[in-house]
Amino acid sequence: MKLSPRDAPRYFAKPDPGRAGLLIFGGDAMRVALKRQEVIAALIGPAGEEEMRLARLPAADLRKDPAALLDAVKAISFFPGPRVAFVEDATDTVADVLKAALADWQAGDAQIVVTAGALTAKSKLRVLFEGHPNTYAAALYDNPPTREEIAAELARAGLGDLDNAAMTALTALAQEIEPGDFRQTLEKLSLYKLGDKAAVSAADIEACAPATSEADLDDILNIVAEGRDGQIGPVMRKLLAQGVQPVSLCIAAARHFRTLYAAASDPGGPAQGVGKLRPPVFGPRRDRVVRQAQGWRIQRLEMALGLITDTDLQLRSAGQHAPAMALVERMLIRLAMLAKR
């Protein structure tokens, strides 16, 4: 069965020990790893690994020894308590091995927890876990954590008393940094406030936050495609500080707007057009691309692609003397203004 993005965080915090298995998959390996750690800790407790109630099985090893999974599922531990058979970095090549283990699973056996990268809807792993009556499949998308997830992380770090300004600052920080960095920031904050009974303030957040927060190429492209020209400057400064090259920005912009053009020009509309893209686009990013394509007319997308091509040619011209990044920033501002027409 599928776990919706809304229900998944609650299930990760308190998984059902009677389930035969759980598949966690997504493009961000760190997000997947953090949720997998949370689920396994909730199932077997903090001493579960020391008591040998956790069996780690790399998926590559299962291809050589398929019986190893069923052995781990049926094994009886010297210590009492629930057990987990963890299959790491799974692909469709081990789907049959997992199917056989789930078919033989009985109450009292080790629960099978599987992690994987991004999977299509037709993936054998997804079909297996979403269709099985006693398993769950949860997709993790590259979204900032929700308020509920932030609250859970705060509780885990022992930080329950935050003023409004601190919570606002923490929410903003969670949208800018990676999940692993965010968790480390909370651990650092917990040590920083050790013995201090005063509420966590925005100044405390600032003192413990990473020195720099990086921007991503997707950030600037979404800002431009959605016509938010006022946000281009700050993100461009971050990209410049990170060493992003002007030509790379131009290539990424061309790729993004070609994607929007392909979606918008489909006879069935942008929603159907996005469904035909290769490589496919999934989850919230798919919804965002659909919204962006719906906001642009075909003629304006053609103008945008022409502007990007002209800028790319300027960058590659031997006689070009203007600062390259300034040319690209001007192009992005013009594109954002075009989106607002």
Protein backbone atom coordinates (compact mmCIF):
# COMPACT_ATOMS: atom_id res chain seq x y z
CA MET A 1 0.00 0.00 0.00
CA LYS A 2 1.04 3.58 -0.60
CA LEU A 3 1.93 5.93 2.24
CA SER A 4 0.90 9.47 1.33
CA PRO A 5 3.39 12.33 1.94
CA ARG A 6 1.03 13.57 4.67
CA ASP A 7 0.86 10.23 6.54
CA ALA A 8 4.45 9.09 6.00
CA PRO A 9 6.13 11.22 8.74
CA ARG A 10 3.74 9.91 11.39
CA TYR A 11 4.28 6.33 10.26
CA PHE A 12 8.08 6.74 10.26
CA ALA A 13 7.92 7.94 13.86
CA LYS A 14 5.65 5.06 14.93
CA PRO A 15 5.79 2.17 12.41
CA ASP A 16 3.47 -0.82 12.66
CA PRO A 17 5.52 -3.81 13.94
CA GLY A 18 2.98 -6.21 12.42
CA ARG A 19 3.76 -5.18 8.85
CA ALA A 20 5.82 -7.48 6.67
CA GLY A 21 7.80 -4.74 4.99
CA LEU A 22 8.37 -1.09 4.13
CA LEU A 23 9.91 0.44 1.00
CA ILE A 24 11.39 3.95 1.30
CA PHE A 25 12.55 5.49 -1.96
CA GLY A 26 13.55 8.87 -3.36
CA GLY A 27 16.15 10.76 -5.32
CA ASP A 28 17.81 12.31 -2.24
CA ALA A 29 19.91 9.57 -0.61
CA MET A 30 20.32 11.58 2.61
CA ARG A 31 16.55 11.98 3.11
CA VAL A 32 16.05 8.27 2.51
CA ALA A 33 18.85 7.35 4.94
CA LEU A 34 17.51 9.61 7.71
CA LYS A 35 13.99 8.20 7.47
CA ARG A 36 15.29 4.65 7.32
CA GLN A 37 17.31 5.25 10.49
CA GLU A 38 14.21 6.67 12.19
CA VAL A 39 12.02 3.71 11.22
CA ILE A 40 14.53 1.05 12.24
CA ALA A 41 15.22 2.76 15.58
CA ALA A 42 11.45 2.90 16.25
CA LEU A 43 11.06 -0.80 15.41
CA ILE A 44 13.96 -2.37 17.30
CA GLY A 45 14.89 0.32 19.83
CA PRO A 46 18.27 1.94 20.55
CA ALA A 47 19.90 -1.37 21.57
CA GLY A 48 18.55 -3.40 18.64
CA GLU A 49 21.73 -3.36 16.58
CA GLU A 50 23.93 -4.20 19.58
CA GLU A 51 21.63 -7.14 20.33
CA MET A 52 22.01 -8.37 16.75
CA ARG A 53 18.33 -7.84 15.91
CA LEU A 54 19.25 -5.92 12.75
CA ALA A 55 20.52 -7.71 9.63
CA ARG A 56 22.05 -5.46 6.94
CA LEU A 57 21.84 -6.85 3.41
CA PRO A 58 23.24 -4.80 0.49
CA ALA A 59 21.08 -5.43 -2.57
CA ALA A 60 24.18 -6.28 -4.63
CA ASP A 61 24.86 -9.23 -2.30
CA LEU A 62 21.31 -10.56 -2.69
CA ARG A 63 21.82 -11.00 -6.41
CA LYS A 64 24.66 -13.41 -5.62
CA ASP A 65 22.93 -15.08 -2.66
CA PRO A 66 19.12 -14.75 -2.92
CA ALA A 67 18.54 -17.08 0.06
CA ALA A 68 20.31 -14.66 2.43
CA LEU A 69 17.22 -12.48 2.77
CA LEU A 70 14.87 -15.29 3.74
CA ASP A 71 17.50 -16.60 6.18
CA ALA A 72 17.65 -13.17 7.83
CA VAL A 73 13.86 -12.90 7.97
CA LYS A 74 13.45 -16.32 9.61
CA ALA A 75 16.54 -16.23 11.88
CA ILE A 76 15.94 -16.38 15.64
CA SER A 77 17.93 -13.86 17.66
CA PHE A 78 19.65 -14.74 20.93
CA PHE A 79 18.04 -11.60 22.39
CA PRO A 80 14.25 -11.20 22.58
CA GLY A 81 12.51 -8.42 20.70
CA PRO A 82 11.44 -7.37 17.20
CA ARG A 83 13.90 -7.81 14.34
CA VAL A 84 14.56 -6.01 11.04
CA ALA A 85 16.10 -7.25 7.80
CA PHE A 86 17.37 -4.13 6.07
CA VAL A 87 17.95 -4.24 2.29
CA GLU A 88 20.00 -1.25 1.13
CA ASP A 89 20.17 0.37 -2.33
CA ALA A 90 17.62 -1.96 -3.86
CA THR A 91 16.76 -1.97 -7.55
CA ASP A 92 14.27 -3.92 -9.66
CA THR A 93 16.86 -6.68 -10.03
CA VAL A 94 16.07 -7.91 -6.50
CA ALA A 95 12.29 -7.55 -6.80
CA ASP A 96 11.79 -11.31 -7.23
CA VAL A 97 13.95 -12.04 -4.16
CA LEU A 98 11.86 -9.65 -2.09
CA LYS A 99 8.62 -11.07 -3.50
CA ALA A 100 9.62 -14.57 -2.41
CA ALA A 101 10.57 -13.38 1.08
CA LEU A 102 7.29 -11.50 1.50
CA ALA A 103 5.33 -14.56 0.32
CA ASP A 104 6.96 -16.66 3.10
CA TRP A 105 6.70 -13.94 5.77
CA GLN A 106 4.77 -14.82 8.93
CA ALA A 107 4.01 -12.99 12.16
CA GLY A 108 7.11 -12.96 14.35
CA ASP A 109 9.52 -12.83 11.41
CA ALA A 110 11.85 -9.88 10.92
CA GLN A 111 10.24 -6.91 9.21
CA ILE A 112 11.80 -6.18 5.81
CA VAL A 113 12.86 -2.53 5.41
CA VAL A 114 14.05 -1.63 1.91
CA THR A 115 15.62 1.59 0.62
CA ALA A 116 15.96 2.61 -3.01
CA GLY A 117 16.65 5.62 -5.21
CA ALA A 118 14.08 7.31 -7.44
CA LEU A 119 11.61 4.78 -8.86
CA THR A 120 9.09 5.10 -11.67
CA ALA A 121 5.44 4.19 -11.15
CA LYS A 122 6.01 0.97 -13.13
CA SER A 123 9.03 -0.10 -11.09
CA LYS A 124 8.80 -3.72 -9.96
CA LEU A 125 9.71 -2.68 -6.41
CA ARG A 126 6.95 -0.11 -6.23
CA VAL A 127 4.39 -2.43 -7.77
CA LEU A 128 5.35 -5.14 -5.28
CA PHE A 129 5.18 -3.02 -2.11
CA GLU A 130 2.23 -0.87 -3.18
CA GLY A 131 0.21 -3.91 -4.21
CA HIS A 132 1.00 -6.17 -1.23
CA PRO A 133 -1.71 -6.08 1.48
CA ASN A 134 0.79 -6.11 4.36
CA THR A 135 3.50 -3.70 3.20
CA TYR A 136 3.88 0.04 2.71
CA ALA A 137 5.74 2.08 0.09
CA ALA A 138 6.71 5.68 0.84
CA ALA A 139 8.13 8.15 -1.68
CA LEU A 140 10.37 10.95 -0.40
CA TYR A 141 10.46 14.11 -2.50
CA ASP A 142 12.94 16.99 -2.35
CA ASN A 143 10.58 19.24 -0.40
CA PRO A 144 11.49 21.34 2.65
CA PRO A 145 10.29 19.74 5.91
CA THR A 146 6.77 20.60 7.06
CA ARG A 147 6.03 22.27 10.41
CA GLU A 148 5.09 18.84 11.75
CA GLU A 149 8.42 17.35 10.68
CA ILE A 150 10.33 20.30 12.14
CA ALA A 151 8.45 19.86 15.42
CA ALA A 152 9.37 16.16 15.46
CA GLU A 153 13.05 16.98 14.86
CA LEU A 154 12.94 19.57 17.67
CA ALA A 155 11.44 17.02 20.05
CA ARG A 156 14.12 14.50 19.08
CA ALA A 157 16.81 17.09 19.85
CA GLY A 158 15.17 18.00 23.18
CA LEU A 159 14.27 21.53 22.05
CA GLY A 160 10.71 22.30 23.01
CA ASP A 161 10.77 25.99 23.91
CA LEU A 162 11.14 28.36 20.94
CA ASP A 163 9.82 31.90 20.60
CA ASN A 164 7.95 32.90 17.43
CA ALA A 165 10.95 34.61 15.85
CA ALA A 166 13.09 31.51 16.42
CA MET A 167 10.50 29.21 14.86
CA THR A 168 10.22 31.50 11.84
CA ALA A 169 14.01 31.57 11.45
CA LEU A 170 14.23 27.79 11.82
CA THR A 171 11.51 27.21 9.22
CA ALA A 172 13.32 29.48 6.77
CA LEU A 173 16.61 27.69 7.45
CA ALA A 174 14.99 24.28 6.83
CA GLN A 175 14.04 25.44 3.33
CA GLU A 176 17.62 26.42 2.47
CA ILE A 177 19.80 23.55 3.72
CA GLU A 178 19.91 19.78 3.26
CA PRO A 179 18.04 17.50 5.71
CA GLY A 180 21.28 16.08 7.16
CA ASP A 181 22.67 19.59 7.70
CA PHE A 182 19.39 20.64 9.32
CA ARG A 183 19.51 17.74 11.78
CA GLN A 184 23.15 18.53 12.62
CA THR A 185 22.17 22.16 13.20
CA LEU A 186 19.52 21.08 15.71
CA GLU A 187 22.03 18.83 17.50
CA LYS A 188 24.46 21.75 17.67
CA LEU A 189 21.66 24.00 18.95
CA SER A 190 20.78 21.43 21.62
CA LEU A 191 24.38 21.47 22.90
CA TYR A 192 24.50 25.25 22.63
CA LYS A 193 21.44 25.56 24.89
CA LEU A 194 22.51 22.84 27.33
CA GLY A 195 21.82 24.13 30.84
CA ASP A 196 20.22 27.34 29.51
CA LYS A 197 16.57 27.52 30.59
CA ALA A 198 15.75 30.54 28.41
CA ALA A 199 13.64 30.00 25.30
CA VAL A 200 15.51 29.45 22.04
CA SER A 201 15.78 32.79 20.21
CA ALA A 202 16.42 33.78 16.61
CA ALA A 203 19.92 34.82 17.69
CA ASP A 204 20.56 31.27 18.93
CA ILE A 205 19.46 29.91 15.56
CA GLU A 206 21.78 32.32 13.77
CA ALA A 207 24.70 31.34 16.01
CA CYS A 208 24.28 27.62 15.23
CA ALA A 209 23.24 27.80 11.57
CA PRO A 210 25.78 26.81 8.87
CA ALA A 211 28.02 29.69 7.90
CA THR A 212 26.74 29.67 4.33
CA SER A 213 23.60 28.30 2.75
CA GLU A 214 23.95 27.20 -0.85
CA ALA A 215 21.60 27.91 -3.70
CA ASP A 216 20.72 25.38 -6.37
CA LEU A 217 20.33 25.90 -10.12
CA ASP A 218 16.71 24.78 -9.78
CA ASP A 219 16.11 27.66 -7.35
CA ILE A 220 17.03 30.36 -9.85
CA LEU A 221 15.22 28.63 -12.73
CA ASN A 222 11.98 28.35 -10.75
CA ILE A 223 12.26 31.97 -9.65
CA VAL A 224 12.69 33.09 -13.27
CA ALA A 225 9.96 30.87 -14.72
CA GLU A 226 7.51 32.11 -12.07
CA GLY A 227 8.30 35.78 -12.69
CA ARG A 228 9.78 36.52 -9.25
CA ASP A 229 12.37 38.97 -10.57
CA GLY A 230 12.95 40.60 -7.17
CA GLN A 231 14.53 37.37 -5.87
CA ILE A 232 17.03 36.92 -8.69
CA GLY A 233 19.80 39.12 -7.22
CA PRO A 234 20.26 37.36 -3.84
CA VAL A 235 20.24 33.87 -5.38
CA MET A 236 22.66 34.94 -8.11
CA ARG A 237 25.09 36.18 -5.45
CA LYS A 238 24.97 32.77 -3.76
CA LEU A 239 25.54 30.97 -7.05
CA LEU A 240 28.46 33.26 -7.87
CA ALA A 241 30.00 32.60 -4.44
CA GLN A 242 29.65 28.87 -5.07
CA GLY A 243 31.61 29.14 -8.30
CA VAL A 244 28.73 28.39 -10.70
CA GLN A 245 29.80 29.28 -14.24
CA PRO A 246 27.70 31.59 -16.49
CA VAL A 247 27.68 29.03 -19.32
CA SER A 248 26.32 26.38 -16.90
CA LEU A 249 23.49 28.74 -15.94
CA CYS A 250 22.71 29.39 -19.59
CA ILE A 251 22.65 25.67 -20.43
CA ALA A 252 20.41 24.93 -17.42
CA ALA A 253 18.02 27.74 -18.42
CA ALA A 254 17.81 26.40 -21.98
CA ARG A 255 17.06 22.90 -20.70
CA HIS A 256 14.36 24.17 -18.30
CA PHE A 257 12.59 26.32 -20.89
CA ARG A 258 12.75 23.55 -23.52
CA THR A 259 10.98 21.36 -20.95
CA LEU A 260 8.29 24.02 -20.45
CA TYR A 261 7.94 24.42 -24.22
CA ALA A 262 7.50 20.67 -24.73
CA ALA A 263 4.83 20.56 -22.02
CA ALA A 264 2.98 23.69 -23.14
CA SER A 265 2.92 22.71 -26.83
CA ASP A 266 1.33 19.28 -26.26
CA PRO A 267 -2.15 19.08 -27.86
CA GLY A 268 -3.55 17.57 -24.67
CA GLY A 269 -2.33 20.44 -22.51
CA PRO A 270 0.64 20.90 -20.15
CA ALA A 271 -0.43 18.14 -17.75
CA GLN A 272 -0.39 15.54 -20.53
CA GLY A 273 2.75 17.07 -22.01
CA VAL A 274 4.68 16.70 -18.75
CA GLY A 275 3.63 13.06 -18.62
CA LYS A 276 5.40 12.46 -21.94
CA LEU A 277 8.72 14.03 -20.92
CA ARG A 278 11.85 11.90 -21.01
CA PRO A 279 13.42 11.51 -18.56
CA PRO A 280 10.13 11.53 -16.65
CA VAL A 281 9.32 14.16 -14.01
CA PHE A 282 7.76 12.97 -10.73
CA GLY A 283 6.11 14.26 -7.58
CA PRO A 284 5.94 17.93 -6.58
CA ARG A 285 8.45 18.90 -9.30
CA ARG A 286 6.00 17.58 -11.88
CA ASP A 287 3.20 19.72 -10.42
CA ARG A 288 5.47 22.76 -10.45
CA VAL A 289 6.49 22.25 -14.08
CA VAL A 290 2.80 21.92 -15.04
CA ARG A 291 1.96 25.20 -13.26
CA GLN A 292 4.86 26.99 -14.92
CA ALA A 293 3.96 25.68 -18.38
CA GLN A 294 0.34 26.77 -17.87
CA GLY A 295 1.54 30.30 -17.05
CA TRP A 296 3.50 30.71 -20.30
CA ARG A 297 2.04 31.06 -23.79
CA ILE A 298 3.79 29.23 -26.62
CA GLN A 299 4.83 32.52 -28.25
CA ARG A 300 6.49 33.78 -25.06
CA LEU A 301 8.33 30.48 -24.57
CA GLU A 302 9.66 30.80 -28.13
CA MET A 303 10.83 34.33 -27.29
CA ALA A 304 12.46 33.04 -24.10
CA LEU A 305 14.35 30.29 -25.95
CA GLY A 306 15.51 32.86 -28.52
CA LEU A 307 16.78 35.15 -25.75
CA ILE A 308 18.66 32.27 -24.08
CA THR A 309 20.23 31.24 -27.41
CA ASP A 310 21.35 34.82 -28.13
CA THR A 311 22.94 35.08 -24.68
CA ASP A 312 24.68 31.73 -25.10
CA LEU A 313 26.15 32.87 -28.42
CA GLN A 314 27.34 36.10 -26.79
CA LEU A 315 29.05 34.15 -24.03
CA ARG A 316 30.87 31.98 -26.56
CA SER A 317 31.85 34.87 -28.83
CA ALA A 318 35.57 35.66 -29.00
CA GLY A 319 34.84 39.37 -29.23
CA GLN A 320 32.69 39.50 -26.08
CA HIS A 321 34.09 41.86 -23.43
CA ALA A 322 31.12 42.40 -21.08
CA PRO A 323 31.18 40.46 -17.77
CA ALA A 324 29.72 37.02 -18.49
CA MET A 325 27.73 36.72 -15.26
CA ALA A 326 26.22 40.18 -15.79
CA LEU A 327 25.00 39.08 -19.24
CA VAL A 328 23.38 35.98 -17.76
CA GLU A 329 21.76 37.92 -14.90
CA ARG A 330 20.33 40.43 -17.39
CA MET A 331 18.96 37.51 -19.43
CA LEU A 332 17.32 35.97 -16.33
CA ILE A 333 15.72 39.29 -15.35
CA ARG A 334 14.35 39.74 -18.87
CA LEU A 335 12.95 36.21 -18.77
CA ALA A 336 11.29 36.86 -15.41
CA MET A 337 9.75 40.07 -16.73
CA LEU A 338 8.55 38.13 -19.79
CA ALA A 339 6.80 35.67 -17.44
CA LYS A 340 4.80 38.52 -15.91
CA ARG A 341 3.35 39.80 -19.19
